[in-house]
C-alpha atoms as a PDB file:
ATOM      1  CA  MET A   1      -0.038   0.256  -0.030  1.00  0.00           C
ATOM      2  CA  LEU A   2       0.912   3.389  -0.278  1.00  0.00           C
ATOM      3  CA  PHE A   3       0.177   4.342   2.941  1.00  0.00           C
ATOM      4  CA  SER A   4       1.291   2.368   5.755  1.00  0.00           C
ATOM      5  CA  LYS A   5       0.720   2.165   9.790  1.00  0.00           C
ATOM      6  CA  GLU A   6       4.618   2.693  10.244  1.00  0.00           C
ATOM      7  CA  LYS A   7       4.531   6.159   8.614  1.00  0.00           C
ATOM      8  CA  TRP A   8       0.592   7.104   9.543  1.00  0.00           C
ATOM      9  CA  ASP A   9       2.039   9.683  12.262  1.00  0.00           C
ATOM     10  CA  ASN A  10      -1.457  10.345  13.792  1.00  0.00           C
ATOM     11  CA  GLY A  11      -2.981  11.090  10.167  1.00  0.00           C
ATOM     12  CA  LYS A  12       0.113  13.389   9.099  1.00  0.00           C
ATOM     13  CA  GLN A  13       0.799  11.272   6.312  1.00  0.00           C
ATOM     14  CA  ILE A  14      -2.441  11.751   4.223  1.00  0.00           C
ATOM     15  CA  SER A  15      -3.169  15.291   5.481  1.00  0.00           C
ATOM     16  CA  PRO A  16      -1.247  16.869   2.485  1.00  0.00           C
ATOM     17  CA  PHE A  17      -4.078  15.228   0.397  1.00  0.00           C
ATOM     18  CA  VAL A  18      -7.407  15.336   2.871  1.00  0.00           C
ATOM     19  CA  PRO A  19      -7.236  17.628   5.737  1.00  0.00           C
ATOM     20  CA  VAL A  20      -8.144  15.099   8.402  1.00  0.00           C
ATOM     21  CA  SER A  21      -8.054  14.971  12.250  1.00  0.00           C
ATOM     22  CA  SER A  22      -5.100  13.386  14.048  1.00  0.00           C
ATOM     23  CA  SER A  23      -7.599  11.287  15.608  1.00  0.00           C
ATOM     24  CA  LEU A  24      -8.177   9.419  12.579  1.00  0.00           C
ATOM     25  CA  SER A  25      -6.495   6.039  12.730  1.00  0.00           C
ATOM     26  CA  PHE A  26      -4.628   3.890   9.956  1.00  0.00           C
ATOM     27  CA  GLN A  27      -6.960   0.874  11.067  1.00  0.00           C
ATOM     28  CA  LYS A  28     -10.114   3.196  10.102  1.00  0.00           C
ATOM     29  CA  MET A  29      -8.642   4.047   6.619  1.00  0.00           C
ATOM     30  CA  GLN A  30      -6.659   0.674   5.915  1.00  0.00           C
ATOM     31  CA  ALA A  31      -9.339  -1.012   3.870  1.00  0.00           C
ATOM     32  CA  PRO A  32     -10.807   2.030   1.989  1.00  0.00           C
ATOM     33  CA  LEU A  33      -7.196   2.979   1.112  1.00  0.00           C
ATOM     34  CA  ASP A  34      -6.417  -0.528  -0.107  1.00  0.00           C
ATOM     35  CA  GLY A  35      -9.746  -0.755  -2.075  1.00  0.00           C
ATOM     36  CA  ALA A  36      -9.098   2.420  -3.809  1.00  0.00           C
ATOM     37  CA  GLU A  37      -5.503   1.669  -4.835  1.00  0.00           C
ATOM     38  CA  GLN A  38      -6.944  -1.681  -6.064  1.00  0.00           C
ATOM     39  CA  GLN A  39     -10.035  -0.681  -7.675  1.00  0.00           C
ATOM     40  CA  PHE A  40      -8.738   2.449  -9.424  1.00  0.00           C
ATOM     41  CA  LEU A  41      -4.976   2.712  -9.558  1.00  0.00           C
ATOM     42  CA  ARG A  42      -3.918  -0.827 -10.262  1.00  0.00           C
ATOM     43  CA  PRO A  43      -6.238  -1.484 -13.298  1.00  0.00           C
ATOM     44  CA  LEU A  44      -5.446   2.171 -14.629  1.00  0.00           C
ATOM     45  CA  VAL A  45      -1.770   2.041 -14.754  1.00  0.00           C
ATOM     46  CA  GLY A  46      -1.077  -1.924 -14.754  1.00  0.00           C
ATOM     47  CA  ASP A  47       0.418  -4.610 -11.925  1.00  0.00           C
ATOM     48  CA  ALA A  48       3.852  -3.554 -13.251  1.00  0.00           C
ATOM     49  CA  MET A  49       3.694   0.433 -12.839  1.00  0.00           C
ATOM     50  CA  THR A  50       1.679   0.179  -9.535  1.00  0.00           C
ATOM     51  CA  ASP A  51       4.513  -1.831  -8.056  1.00  0.00           C
ATOM     52  CA  ARG A  52       7.072   0.412  -9.532  1.00  0.00           C
ATOM     53  CA  ILE A  53       5.083   3.268  -7.377  1.00  0.00           C
ATOM     54  CA  GLN A  54       5.193   1.251  -4.475  1.00  0.00           C
ATOM     55  CA  SER A  55       8.880   0.451  -4.604  1.00  0.00           C
ATOM     56  CA  VAL A  56       9.293   4.672  -4.640  1.00  0.00           C
ATOM     57  CA  CYS A  57       7.317   4.277  -1.751  1.00  0.00           C
ATOM     58  CA  ASP A  58       9.051   1.760   0.249  1.00  0.00           C
ATOM     59  CA  ASN A  59      12.744   3.210  -0.696  1.00  0.00           C
ATOM     60  CA  MET A  60      12.840   6.354  -2.143  1.00  0.00           C
ATOM     61  CA  PRO A  61      15.742   7.049  -4.726  1.00  0.00           C
ATOM     62  CA  GLU A  62      17.988   9.583  -3.750  1.00  0.00           C
ATOM     63  CA  GLY A  63      18.659  12.514  -6.237  1.00  0.00           C
ATOM     64  CA  ASP A  64      15.440  11.310  -8.243  1.00  0.00           C
ATOM     65  CA  VAL A  65      13.441  14.501  -8.713  1.00  0.00           C
ATOM     66  CA  LEU A  66      10.362  13.020 -10.576  1.00  0.00           C
ATOM     67  CA  ALA A  67      10.007  10.090  -8.029  1.00  0.00           C
ATOM     68  CA  PRO A  68       8.595  12.106  -5.167  1.00  0.00           C
ATOM     69  CA  GLN A  69       6.109  13.998  -7.573  1.00  0.00           C
ATOM     70  CA  LEU A  70       5.055  10.634  -8.973  1.00  0.00           C
ATOM     71  CA  LEU A  71       4.381   9.329  -5.477  1.00  0.00           C
ATOM     72  CA  GLN A  72       2.542  12.262  -4.586  1.00  0.00           C
ATOM     73  CA  ILE A  73       0.291  12.198  -7.405  1.00  0.00           C
ATOM     74  CA  ALA A  74      -0.711   8.613  -6.486  1.00  0.00           C
ATOM     75  CA  ARG A  75      -1.282   9.207  -3.024  1.00  0.00           C
ATOM     76  CA  ARG A  76      -3.689  12.168  -3.987  1.00  0.00           C
ATOM     77  CA  ALA A  77      -5.478  10.183  -5.929  1.00  0.00           C
ATOM     78  CA  VAL A  78      -5.806   7.301  -3.586  1.00  0.00           C
ATOM     79  CA  ALA A  79      -6.362   9.240  -0.765  1.00  0.00           C
ATOM     80  CA  ASN A  80      -9.418  11.175  -2.469  1.00  0.00           C
ATOM     81  CA  LEU A  81     -11.020   8.310  -4.149  1.00  0.00           C
ATOM     82  CA  ALA A  82     -10.822   6.062  -0.850  1.00  0.00           C
ATOM     83  CA  PHE A  83     -12.732   8.840   0.850  1.00  0.00           C
ATOM     84  CA  TRP A  84     -15.539   9.143  -1.969  1.00  0.00           C
ATOM     85  CA  HIS A  85     -15.699   5.386  -2.388  1.00  0.00           C
ATOM     86  CA  ASP A  86     -16.182   4.497   1.304  1.00  0.00           C
ATOM     87  CA  PHE A  87     -17.887   7.942   2.458  1.00  0.00           C
ATOM     88  CA  ASP A  88     -21.075   6.060   3.745  1.00  0.00           C
ATOM     89  CA  ALA A  89     -18.845   3.438   5.695  1.00  0.00           C
ATOM     90  CA  LEU A  90     -16.576   5.932   7.010  1.00  0.00           C
ATOM     91  CA  ASN A  91     -19.530   7.923   8.464  1.00  0.00           C
ATOM     92  CA  LEU A  92     -20.774   4.530  10.192  1.00  0.00           C
ATOM     93  CA  ARG A  93     -20.029   1.930  13.046  1.00  0.00           C
ATOM     94  CA  ILE A  94     -20.594  -1.369  12.327  1.00  0.00           C
ATOM     95  CA  THR A  95     -21.268  -3.508  15.303  1.00  0.00           C
ATOM     96  CA  ASP A  96     -23.319  -6.681  16.729  1.00  0.00           C
ATOM     97  CA  GLN A  97     -26.277  -4.408  16.799  1.00  0.00           C
ATOM     98  CA  GLY A  98     -26.167  -3.319  13.044  1.00  0.00           C
ATOM     99  CA  PHE A  99     -25.003   0.114  11.630  1.00  0.00           C
ATOM    100  CA  GLN A 100     -24.710   3.036  13.716  1.00  0.00           C
ATOM    101  CA  ARG A 101     -23.972   6.552  12.975  1.00  0.00           C
ATOM    102  CA  GLN A 102     -21.154   8.143  15.442  1.00  0.00           C
ATOM    103  CA  GLY A 103     -21.355  11.445  16.860  1.00  0.00           C
ATOM    104  CA  SER A 104     -20.213  13.225  19.944  1.00  0.00           C
ATOM    105  CA  GLY A 105     -21.083  16.173  22.474  1.00  0.00           C
ATOM    106  CA  ASP A 106     -18.756  18.527  20.583  1.00  0.00           C
ATOM    107  CA  TRP A 107     -19.119  17.435  17.065  1.00  0.00           C
ATOM    108  CA  GLN A 108     -22.437  17.320  15.452  1.00  0.00           C
ATOM    109  CA  GLY A 109     -22.737  15.324  11.933  1.00  0.00           C
ATOM    110  CA  ALA A 110     -22.461  17.362   8.832  1.00  0.00           C
ATOM    111  CA  TYR A 111     -25.489  18.661   6.933  1.00  0.00           C
ATOM    112  CA  LYS A 112     -26.482  16.877   3.919  1.00  0.00           C
ATOM    113  CA  TYR A 113     -25.569  19.825   1.526  1.00  0.00           C
ATOM    114  CA  GLN A 114     -21.858  19.629   3.481  1.00  0.00           C
ATOM    115  CA  GLU A 115     -21.732  15.904   2.853  1.00  0.00           C
ATOM    116  CA  ASP A 116     -22.865  16.285  -0.710  1.00  0.00           C
ATOM    117  CA  ASN A 117     -20.270  19.123  -1.342  1.00  0.00           C
ATOM    118  CA  LEU A 118     -17.699  16.689   0.181  1.00  0.00           C
ATOM    119  CA  ARG A 119     -18.249  13.721  -1.918  1.00  0.00           C
ATOM    120  CA  ALA A 120     -18.433  15.728  -5.088  1.00  0.00           C
ATOM    121  CA  THR A 121     -15.180  17.301  -3.938  1.00  0.00           C
ATOM    122  CA  PHE A 122     -13.437  13.735  -3.178  1.00  0.00           C
ATOM    123  CA  LYS A 123     -14.524  12.376  -6.377  1.00  0.00           C
ATOM    124  CA  ASN A 124     -13.150  15.330  -8.442  1.00  0.00           C
ATOM    125  CA  ARG A 125      -9.849  15.758  -6.658  1.00  0.00           C
ATOM    126  CA  GLY A 126      -9.226  12.052  -6.638  1.00  0.00           C
ATOM    127  CA  PHE A 127     -10.250  11.459 -10.609  1.00  0.00           C
ATOM    128  CA  ASN A 128      -8.040  14.609 -11.535  1.00  0.00           C
ATOM    129  CA  ALA A 129      -5.218  13.104  -9.668  1.00  0.00           C
ATOM    130  CA  LEU A 130      -5.680  10.204 -12.145  1.00  0.00           C
ATOM    131  CA  ASP A 131      -5.845  12.405 -14.784  1.00  0.00           C
ATOM    132  CA  PHE A 132      -2.571  14.313 -13.776  1.00  0.00           C
ATOM    133  CA  LEU A 133      -0.811  10.773 -13.080  1.00  0.00           C
ATOM    134  CA  LEU A 134      -1.480   9.305 -16.753  1.00  0.00           C
ATOM    135  CA  ASP A 135      -0.327  12.691 -17.984  1.00  0.00           C
ATOM    136  CA  PHE A 136       2.762  12.879 -15.876  1.00  0.00           C
ATOM    137  CA  LEU A 137       3.573   9.105 -17.016  1.00  0.00           C
ATOM    138  CA  ASP A 138       3.069   9.856 -20.612  1.00  0.00           C
ATOM    139  CA  ASP A 139       5.616  12.900 -20.348  1.00  0.00           C
ATOM    140  CA  HIS A 140       8.154  10.393 -18.991  1.00  0.00           C
ATOM    141  CA  LEU A 141       7.690   7.619 -20.664  1.00  0.00           C
ATOM    142  CA  ALA A 142      11.629   6.805 -20.887  1.00  0.00           C
ATOM    143  CA  VAL A 143      11.861   6.913 -17.172  1.00  0.00           C
ATOM    144  CA  TYR A 144       9.013   4.846 -16.282  1.00  0.00           C
ATOM    145  CA  PRO A 145       8.520   2.076 -19.194  1.00  0.00           C
ATOM    146  CA  GLU A 146       6.428   0.022 -16.671  1.00  0.00           C
ATOM    147  CA  TYR A 147       3.767   1.998 -17.839  1.00  0.00           C
ATOM    148  CA  LYS A 148       3.877   0.620 -21.628  1.00  0.00           C
ATOM    149  CA  GLN A 149       2.838  -2.847 -20.113  1.00  0.00           C
ATOM    150  CA  SER A 150      -0.635  -1.790 -18.846  1.00  0.00           C
ATOM    151  CA  LYS A 151      -3.766  -2.136 -21.086  1.00  0.00           C
ATOM    152  CA  CYS A 152      -4.357   1.594 -20.964  1.00  0.00           C
ATOM    153  CA  TYR A 153      -1.249   2.386 -22.827  1.00  0.00           C
ATOM    154  CA  THR A 154      -1.450  -0.373 -25.183  1.00  0.00           C
ATOM    155  CA  ASP A 155      -4.665   0.232 -26.449  1.00  0.00           C
ATOM    156  CA  ARG A 156      -4.104   4.013 -26.718  1.00  0.00           C
ATOM    157  CA  SER A 157      -0.672   3.611 -28.520  1.00  0.00           C
ATOM    158  CA  CYS A 158      -2.518   1.792 -31.384  1.00  0.00           C
ATOM    159  CA  ALA A 159      -5.740   4.077 -31.523  1.00  0.00           C
ATOM    160  CA  ILE A 160      -6.519   6.887 -33.918  1.00  0.00           C
ATOM    161  CA  VAL A 161      -7.173   9.268 -30.894  1.00  0.00           C
ATOM    162  CA  ARG A 162      -4.674   8.125 -28.469  1.00  0.00           C
ATOM    163  CA  SER A 163      -5.214  10.801 -25.344  1.00  0.00           C
ATOM    164  CA  PRO A 164      -7.480  13.293 -23.896  1.00  0.00           C
ATOM    165  CA  ARG A 165      -4.839  16.089 -24.713  1.00  0.00           C
ATOM    166  CA  GLU A 166      -5.137  15.060 -28.352  1.00  0.00           C
ATOM    167  CA  ALA A 167      -8.795  14.976 -28.400  1.00  0.00           C
ATOM    168  CA  ASN A 168      -8.919  18.402 -26.372  1.00  0.00           C
ATOM    169  CA  GLN A 169      -7.091  19.774 -29.617  1.00  0.00           C
ATOM    170  CA  PHE A 170     -10.310  19.398 -31.558  1.00  0.00           C
ATOM    171  CA  VAL A 171     -13.266  19.567 -28.864  1.00  0.00           C
ATOM    172  CA  PHE A 172     -12.952  20.898 -25.527  1.00  0.00           C
ATOM    173  CA  ILE A 173     -12.951  18.406 -22.822  1.00  0.00           C
ATOM    174  CA  ASN A 174     -10.669  19.801 -20.271  1.00  0.00           C
ATOM    175  CA  SER A 175      -8.041  17.115 -21.068  1.00  0.00           C
ATOM    176  CA  SER A 176     -10.233  14.878 -18.795  1.00  0.00           C
ATOM    177  CA  HIS A 177      -9.461  11.066 -18.983  1.00  0.00           C
ATOM    178  CA  ILE A 178     -13.018  10.359 -17.567  1.00  0.00           C
ATOM    179  CA  VAL A 179     -14.596  12.083 -20.326  1.00  0.00           C
ATOM    180  CA  PHE A 180     -12.143  10.809 -22.930  1.00  0.00           C
ATOM    181  CA  MET A 181     -12.772   7.381 -21.511  1.00  0.00           C
ATOM    182  CA  ARG A 182     -16.605   7.962 -21.911  1.00  0.00           C
ATOM    183  CA  LEU A 183     -15.994   8.976 -25.435  1.00  0.00           C
ATOM    184  CA  GLN A 184     -13.529   6.288 -26.424  1.00  0.00           C
ATOM    185  CA  THR A 185     -17.114   3.811 -27.041  1.00  0.00           C
ATOM    186  CA  GLU A 186     -18.158   6.458 -29.497  1.00  0.00           C
ATOM    187  CA  PHE A 187     -14.561   6.721 -31.086  1.00  0.00           C
ATOM    188  CA  ARG A 188     -15.210   2.947 -31.903  1.00  0.00           C
ATOM    189  CA  THR A 189     -18.651   3.377 -33.808  1.00  0.00           C
ATOM    190  CA  VAL A 190     -17.535   6.221 -35.518  1.00  0.00           C
ATOM    191  CA  GLU A 191     -14.502   4.498 -36.932  1.00  0.00           C
ATOM    192  CA  GLU A 192     -16.017   1.375 -37.788  1.00  0.00           C
ATOM    193  CA  TYR A 193     -19.408   3.072 -39.730  1.00  0.00           C
ATOM    194  CA  ASP A 194     -18.434   6.527 -40.473  1.00  0.00           C
ATOM    195  CA  LEU A 195     -14.408   6.969 -40.951  1.00  0.00           C
ATOM    196  CA  CYS A 196     -14.523   3.456 -42.626  1.00  0.00           C
ATOM    197  CA  ALA A 197     -17.322   4.697 -45.210  1.00  0.00           C
ATOM    198  CA  ILE A 198     -15.114   7.772 -46.005  1.00  0.00           C
ATOM    199  CA  LEU A 199     -11.571   5.877 -46.285  1.00  0.00           C
ATOM    200  CA  GLY A 200     -13.035   3.191 -47.945  1.00  0.00           C
ATOM    201  CA  GLU A 201     -12.630  -0.585 -46.500  1.00  0.00           C
ATOM    202  CA  ASP A 202      -9.389  -1.119 -48.011  1.00  0.00           C
ATOM    203  CA  LEU A 203      -7.719   2.202 -47.197  1.00  0.00           C
ATOM    204  CA  TYR A 204      -9.257   1.944 -43.418  1.00  0.00           C
ATOM    205  CA  LYS A 205      -7.667  -1.500 -43.042  1.00  0.00           C
ATOM    206  CA  ARG A 206      -4.436  -0.582 -44.133  1.00  0.00           C
ATOM    207  CA  LEU A 207      -4.548   2.485 -41.613  1.00  0.00           C
ATOM    208  CA  ARG A 208      -5.177  -0.122 -39.052  1.00  0.00           C
ATOM    209  CA  ARG A 209      -2.114  -2.407 -40.053  1.00  0.00           C
ATOM    210  CA  TRP A 210      -0.054   0.755 -40.053  1.00  0.00           C
ATOM    211  CA  LEU A 211      -1.023   1.930 -36.557  1.00  0.00           C
ATOM    212  CA  ASP A 212      -0.399  -1.667 -35.060  1.00  0.00           C
ATOM    213  CA  GLY A 213       2.733  -1.938 -36.842  1.00  0.00           C
ATOM    214  CA  SER A 214       2.161  -4.657 -38.882  1.00  0.00           C
ATOM    215  CA  GLU A 215       2.348  -2.987 -42.046  1.00  0.00           C
ATOM    216  CA  GLU A 216       4.865  -0.065 -43.046  1.00  0.00           C
ATOM    217  CA  PHE A 217       3.410   3.159 -44.054  1.00  0.00           C
ATOM    218  CA  PRO A 218       4.257   4.010 -47.719  1.00  0.00           C
ATOM    219  CA  GLU A 219       6.523   6.589 -48.880  1.00  0.00           C
ATOM    220  CA  CYS A 220       4.140   9.868 -49.582  1.00  0.00           C
ATOM    221  CA  ILE A 221       3.941  13.751 -49.220  1.00  0.00           C
ATOM    222  CA  CYS A 222       2.547  13.251 -45.537  1.00  0.00           C
ATOM    223  CA  THR A 223       3.488  11.006 -42.600  1.00  0.00           C
ATOM    224  CA  LEU A 224       1.440   8.518 -40.718  1.00  0.00           C
ATOM    225  CA  ASN A 225       1.062  10.736 -37.883  1.00  0.00           C
ATOM    226  CA  GLN A 226      -0.167  13.429 -39.926  1.00  0.00           C
ATOM    227  CA  PHE A 227      -2.925  11.029 -41.515  1.00  0.00           C
ATOM    228  CA  ARG A 228      -3.874   9.709 -38.353  1.00  0.00           C
ATOM    229  CA  LEU A 229      -4.542  13.487 -36.973  1.00  0.00           C
ATOM    230  CA  ALA A 230      -6.475  14.068 -40.066  1.00  0.00           C
ATOM    231  CA  CYS A 231      -8.778  11.251 -39.197  1.00  0.00           C
ATOM    232  CA  ALA A 232      -8.793  11.847 -35.535  1.00  0.00           C
ATOM    233  CA  ASP A 233     -10.138  15.586 -36.202  1.00  0.00           C
ATOM    234  CA  TYR A 234     -13.090  14.062 -37.850  1.00  0.00           C
ATOM    235  CA  VAL A 235     -13.579  10.964 -35.157  1.00  0.00           C
ATOM    236  CA  VAL A 236     -13.262  13.235 -32.260  1.00  0.00           C
ATOM    237  CA  LYS A 237     -15.914  15.878 -33.713  1.00  0.00           C
ATOM    238  CA  LYS A 238     -18.202  12.965 -34.937  1.00  0.00           C
ATOM    239  CA  ALA A 239     -18.118  11.248 -31.461  1.00  0.00           C
ATOM    240  CA  ALA A 240     -18.755  14.299 -29.481  1.00  0.00           C
ATOM    241  CA  ALA A 241     -21.993  14.943 -31.741  1.00  0.00           C
ATOM    242  CA  ARG A 242     -23.333  11.555 -31.059  1.00  0.00           C
ATOM    243  CA  LEU A 243     -22.174  12.149 -27.165  1.00  0.00           C
ATOM    244  CA  MET A 244     -24.202  15.253 -26.993  1.00  0.00           C
ATOM    245  CA  ARG A 245     -27.330  13.857 -28.732  1.00  0.00           C
ATOM    246  CA  GLN A 246     -27.504  10.858 -26.020  1.00  0.00           C
ATOM    247  CA  THR A 247     -26.778  12.940 -22.864  1.00  0.00           C
ATOM    248  CA  GLY A 248     -26.602  16.490 -23.584  1.00  0.00           C
ATOM    249  CA  THR A 249     -23.017  17.076 -22.827  1.00  0.00           C
ATOM    250  CA  LEU A 250     -19.699  15.536 -22.207  1.00  0.00           C
ATOM    251  CA  THR A 251     -20.641  14.749 -18.844  1.00  0.00           C
ATOM    252  CA  GLU A 252     -22.778  12.116 -17.261  1.00  0.00           C
ATOM    253  CA  ARG A 253     -25.470  14.662 -15.815  1.00  0.00           C
ATOM    254  CA  GLY A 254     -26.698  16.278 -19.103  1.00  0.00           C
ATOM    255  CA  LEU A 255     -26.202  19.375 -20.553  1.00  0.00           C
ATOM    256  CA  TYR A 256     -25.912  22.206 -17.568  1.00  0.00           C
ATOM    257  CA  PHE A 257     -25.264  26.064 -17.575  1.00  0.00           C
ATOM    258  CA  GLU A 258     -24.120  28.138 -14.423  1.00  0.00           C
ATOM    259  CA  ALA A 259     -26.196  30.843 -13.164  1.00  0.00           C
ATOM    260  CA  ILE A 260     -26.015  33.068 -10.165  1.00  0.00           C
ATOM    261  CA  THR A 261     -29.590  32.742  -7.952  1.00  0.00           C
ATOM    262  CA  ALA A 262     -29.993  35.503  -5.175  1.00  0.00           C
ATOM    263  CA  GLY A 263     -30.621  34.069  -1.765  1.00  0.00           C
ATOM    264  CA  SER A 264     -29.124  30.516  -2.645  1.00  0.00           C
ATOM    265  CA  TYR A 265     -26.263  28.666  -1.069  1.00  0.00           C
ATOM    266  CA  GLY A 266     -23.144  30.169  -2.566  1.00  0.00           C
ATOM    267  CA  ASN A 267     -25.298  31.578  -5.170  1.00  0.00           C
ATOM    268  CA  GLU A 268     -24.169  29.726  -7.975  1.00  0.00           C
ATOM    269  CA  THR A 269     -26.275  27.335  -9.109  1.00  0.00           C
ATOM    270  CA  MET A 270     -26.538  24.753 -12.330  1.00  0.00           C
ATOM    271  CA  SER A 271     -29.826  24.666 -14.012  1.00  0.00           C
ATOM    272  CA  GLN A 272     -30.336  22.138 -16.638  1.00  0.00           C
ATOM    273  CA  ALA A 273     -30.536  23.512 -20.068  1.00  0.00           C
ATOM    274  CA  SER A 274     -33.488  23.771 -22.008  1.00  0.00           C
ATOM    275  CA  ASP A 275     -34.454  21.425 -25.436  1.00  0.00           C
ATOM    276  CA  LYS A 276     -33.610  24.521 -27.696  1.00  0.00           C
ATOM    277  CA  GLN A 277     -30.168  24.999 -26.082  1.00  0.00           C
ATOM    278  CA  ILE A 278     -29.541  21.416 -26.053  1.00  0.00           C
ATOM    279  CA  GLY A 279     -30.705  21.376 -29.857  1.00  0.00           C
ATOM    280  CA  ASP A 280     -28.483  24.270 -30.403  1.00  0.00           C
ATOM    281  CA  ARG A 281     -25.457  22.615 -28.962  1.00  0.00           C
ATOM    282  CA  CYS A 282     -25.940  19.333 -30.923  1.00  0.00           C
ATOM    283  CA  ALA A 283     -26.511  21.331 -34.353  1.00  0.00           C
ATOM    284  CA  LEU A 284     -23.226  23.063 -33.912  1.00  0.00           C
ATOM    285  CA  ALA A 285     -21.337  19.673 -33.179  1.00  0.00           C
ATOM    286  CA  GLU A 286     -22.907  18.307 -36.097  1.00  0.00           C
ATOM    287  CA  VAL A 287     -21.740  21.461 -38.405  1.00  0.00           C
ATOM    288  CA  ASP A 288     -18.271  20.973 -36.713  1.00  0.00           C
ATOM    289  CA  ALA A 289     -18.082  17.141 -37.589  1.00  0.00           C
ATOM    290  CA  HIS A 290     -19.164  17.651 -41.455  1.00  0.00           C
ATOM    291  CA  ARG A 291     -16.592  20.591 -41.798  1.00  0.00           C
ATOM    292  CA  ALA A 292     -14.032  17.846 -40.427  1.00  0.00           C
ATOM    293  CA  GLU A 293     -15.373  15.457 -42.852  1.00  0.00           C
ATOM    294  CA  ALA A 294     -14.793  17.826 -45.615  1.00  0.00           C
ATOM    295  CA  SER A 295     -11.153  18.672 -44.624  1.00  0.00           C
ATOM    296  CA  LEU A 296     -10.454  14.816 -44.242  1.00  0.00           C
ATOM    297  CA  LYS A 297     -11.026  14.157 -47.947  1.00  0.00           C
ATOM    298  CA  ALA A 298      -9.247  17.394 -48.942  1.00  0.00           C
ATOM    299  CA  PHE A 299      -6.394  15.966 -46.854  1.00  0.00           C
ATOM    300  CA  ILE A 300      -6.808  12.719 -48.708  1.00  0.00           C
ATOM    301  CA  LYS A 301      -6.800  14.222 -52.100  1.00  0.00           C
ATOM    302  CA  ASN A 302      -3.703  16.899 -51.477  1.00  0.00           C
ATOM    303  CA  TYR A 303      -1.909  14.277 -49.526  1.00  0.00           C
ATOM    304  CA  MET A 304      -2.471  10.632 -50.390  1.00  0.00           C
ATOM    305  CA  GLY A 305      -3.616  10.621 -53.904  1.00  0.00           C
ATOM    306  CA  ASP A 306      -0.573   8.241 -54.824  1.00  0.00           C
ATOM    307  CA  VAL A 307      -1.287   5.996 -51.655  1.00  0.00           C
ATOM    308  CA  VAL A 308      -4.916   5.001 -52.602  1.00  0.00           C
ATOM    309  CA  GLY A 309      -4.317   5.340 -56.413  1.00  0.00           C
ATOM    310  CA  TRP A 310      -6.608   8.351 -56.570  1.00  0.00           C
ATOM    311  CA  GLN A 311      -9.730   6.563 -55.885  1.00  0.00           C
ATOM    312  CA  THR A 312     -11.962   6.143 -52.567  1.00  0.00           C
ATOM    313  CA  SER A 313     -15.426   4.737 -51.849  1.00  0.00           C
ATOM    314  CA  THR A 314     -16.755   7.958 -52.641  1.00  0.00           C
ATOM    315  CA  GLY A 315     -15.634   8.517 -55.741  1.00  0.00           C
ATOM    316  CA  PRO A 316     -12.382   9.288 -57.644  1.00  0.00           C
ATOM    317  CA  LEU A 317      -9.858  11.934 -56.388  1.00  0.00           C
ATOM    318  CA  ARG A 318      -8.965  14.318 -59.328  1.00  0.00           C
ATOM    319  CA  ASP A 319      -6.709  17.359 -59.518  1.00  0.00           C
ATOM    320  CA  ASN A 320      -8.992  20.031 -61.491  1.00  0.00           C
ATOM    321  CA  ASP A 321      -6.357  22.795 -60.881  1.00  0.00           C
ATOM    322  CA  ASP A 322      -5.676  25.119 -63.505  1.00  0.00           C
ATOM    323  CA  LYS A 323      -8.127  23.103 -65.734  1.00  0.00           C
ATOM    324  CA  ASN A 324     -11.373  23.810 -67.244  1.00  0.00           C
ATOM    325  CA  ALA A 325     -14.463  21.877 -66.163  1.00  0.00           C
ATOM    326  CA  PHE A 326     -17.544  21.540 -68.002  1.00  0.00           C
ATOM    327  CA  PHE A 327     -20.992  20.157 -66.608  1.00  0.00           C
ATOM    328  CA  THR A 328     -23.830  19.252 -68.877  1.00  0.00           C
ATOM    329  CA  MET A 329     -27.382  18.517 -67.522  1.00  0.00           C
END
């Protein structure tokens, strides 16, 4: 575990990430912390990378400036996710008489709105820390090659859209790994049905072979990465349009707008968008997707004509520059 009884020191080990009382015992937090590590951290970065983080925790390398950063990010994620995931259990005491709420004469239980705010805070901080951890590992792959063994990395290394940062170039998702993972289902649908129809089955299959390394990318004006990004532009925008039509936004709660309400707690409230607002956003997303499709077709025409033999499933790609074209009805 990234937290230990020996280094708990009356909660000082966890207090940099969650402001806790010195009376909080390691025995109380041991199961939630271990559960968060096994449920969230290990499946995300893989066994090898989790073991590497654990080795840093057990024996901090001298002179390694990255190791303390890595451990702090991982601990922040685990600590906050532990409190979020086991929030109700930590508020209760389980005895022979059943479940009991703990209290004291000096401290009263939190109000419901405070508990709701705490839950949201722990969840957001925890998943944001996981986002930051993946960004950190992506930036330091040479130092932490164990991350390359994780399914998260291997799946993305052969994908058309490879990271939240990349998706954020085309549609603003705040570089969130959580939103990115929600979009990945839509990526697969768009790639198999829409992108394949644009590229043609032959070119689409070749793209897949180029990405997984089973076939060399041919010599042409563009590079494989440029072609992949041209495809990613369309895939991300089309997937975002599909997701917005399903949920209203790029979150799991629907499309919301922030407003100021006099007299409300904190003054700032979130109100659900109207049908017209949702329709306007979805229509704009569809327009962006159509523009990206036109841009992708132009890219193939201008840079990959020799590769595809000037043919795609949408018809011949002819260069009519400086030529006269005649149309008859």
